[in-house]
Amino acid sequence: MSDCRRLILLKDVDGLMAVQDIRSGPAELILELTIEQLAKHRGGVDEYLPHFLAAEPLETWVINGRHPGRLVELLERSYTTGTRILRK
């Protein structure tokens, strides 16, 4: 890859959600997830993403693209509502 340092995946949800039993209520937003945990997580991103991230040193986020302010906040402050994927 080039000089890219960050990968931001814009979705129609706030980030990756914890898988829950439907009777327990709404799923909770996962704030941080390692690449290894992402490989075991079901849904939300392409199944190849953990393999790609293991090879590329990118700061990676999954955020809600329906809220443009979150993208701005991430670019300006390096943090926002969403799921950050950690290398370890």
Protein backbone atom coordinates (compact mmCIF):
# COMPACT_ATOMS: atom_id res chain seq x y z
CA MET A 1 0.00 0.00 0.00
CA SER A 2 1.10 3.62 -0.24
CA ASP A 3 1.53 6.13 2.58
CA CYS A 4 -1.97 5.40 3.85
CA ARG A 5 -2.11 5.18 7.65
CA ARG A 6 -5.83 4.86 8.31
CA LEU A 7 -8.71 2.83 6.88
CA ILE A 8 -12.21 4.08 7.62
CA LEU A 9 -15.15 1.86 6.73
CA LEU A 10 -18.39 3.80 6.47
CA LYS A 11 -21.48 1.73 7.22
CA ASP A 12 -25.15 2.39 7.93
CA VAL A 13 -24.70 1.38 11.59
CA ASP A 14 -22.55 2.87 14.38
CA GLY A 15 -19.91 0.15 14.15
CA LEU A 16 -19.65 -3.57 14.81
CA MET A 17 -22.21 -4.95 17.21
CA ALA A 18 -21.90 -7.68 19.82
CA VAL A 19 -23.82 -10.77 18.87
CA GLN A 20 -26.58 -11.33 21.39
CA ASP A 21 -29.55 -13.54 21.95
CA ILE A 22 -32.57 -11.78 20.47
CA ARG A 23 -34.33 -11.93 23.85
CA SER A 24 -31.59 -9.91 25.57
CA GLY A 25 -32.51 -6.69 23.82
CA PRO A 26 -30.61 -4.59 21.30
CA ALA A 27 -27.03 -5.48 20.45
CA GLU A 28 -24.29 -3.34 22.00
CA LEU A 29 -21.67 -1.43 20.05
CA ILE A 30 -18.19 -2.94 20.27
CA LEU A 31 -15.81 -0.02 20.89
CA GLU A 32 -12.57 -1.92 20.25
CA LEU A 33 -11.75 -5.25 18.70
CA THR A 34 -8.43 -6.90 17.90
CA ILE A 35 -7.73 -8.36 14.46
CA GLU A 36 -7.92 -11.82 16.03
CA GLN A 37 -11.34 -11.06 17.55
CA LEU A 38 -12.48 -9.59 14.25
CA ALA A 39 -11.61 -12.86 12.49
CA LYS A 40 -14.07 -14.66 14.82
CA HIS A 41 -16.77 -11.97 14.66
CA ARG A 42 -19.75 -12.60 12.41
CA GLY A 43 -21.07 -9.91 10.11
CA GLY A 44 -20.50 -6.23 9.52
CA VAL A 45 -17.36 -6.48 7.37
CA ASP A 46 -15.91 -8.64 4.63
CA GLU A 47 -14.47 -11.90 5.94
CA TYR A 48 -11.13 -11.12 4.22
CA LEU A 49 -10.61 -7.91 6.24
CA PRO A 50 -8.72 -9.56 9.17
CA HIS A 51 -6.24 -11.11 6.71
CA PHE A 52 -5.73 -7.76 4.99
CA LEU A 53 -5.25 -5.89 8.28
CA ALA A 54 -2.77 -8.48 9.55
CA ALA A 55 -0.56 -7.59 6.57
CA GLU A 56 -1.09 -3.81 6.58
CA PRO A 57 -0.28 -1.53 9.56
CA LEU A 58 -3.43 0.59 9.30
CA GLU A 59 -5.42 2.29 12.02
CA THR A 60 -8.88 0.94 11.19
CA TRP A 61 -12.35 2.19 12.14
CA VAL A 62 -15.90 1.13 11.33
CA ILE A 63 -18.21 4.13 11.72
CA ASN A 64 -21.67 5.29 10.68
CA GLY A 65 -21.50 7.12 7.36
CA ARG A 66 -24.99 8.53 7.90
CA HIS A 67 -23.47 10.87 10.49
CA PRO A 68 -20.84 12.91 8.58
CA GLY A 69 -19.83 14.68 11.79
CA ARG A 70 -18.35 11.43 13.05
CA LEU A 71 -16.00 11.25 10.09
CA VAL A 72 -14.96 14.86 10.70
CA GLU A 73 -14.47 14.13 14.41
CA LEU A 74 -12.31 11.10 13.61
CA LEU A 75 -10.16 13.04 11.15
CA GLU A 76 -9.73 16.00 13.51
CA ARG A 77 -9.49 14.26 16.90
CA SER A 78 -8.50 10.70 16.00
CA TYR A 79 -11.52 9.34 17.89
CA THR A 80 -15.29 9.05 17.39
CA THR A 81 -18.28 6.80 18.02
CA GLY A 82 -17.62 3.52 16.25
CA THR A 83 -15.49 0.41 16.40
CA ARG A 84 -11.71 0.68 16.35
CA ILE A 85 -9.85 -2.41 15.16
CA LEU A 86 -6.61 -2.90 17.08
CA ARG A 87 -3.52 -4.68 15.88
CA LYS A 88 -3.10 -6.37 19.32
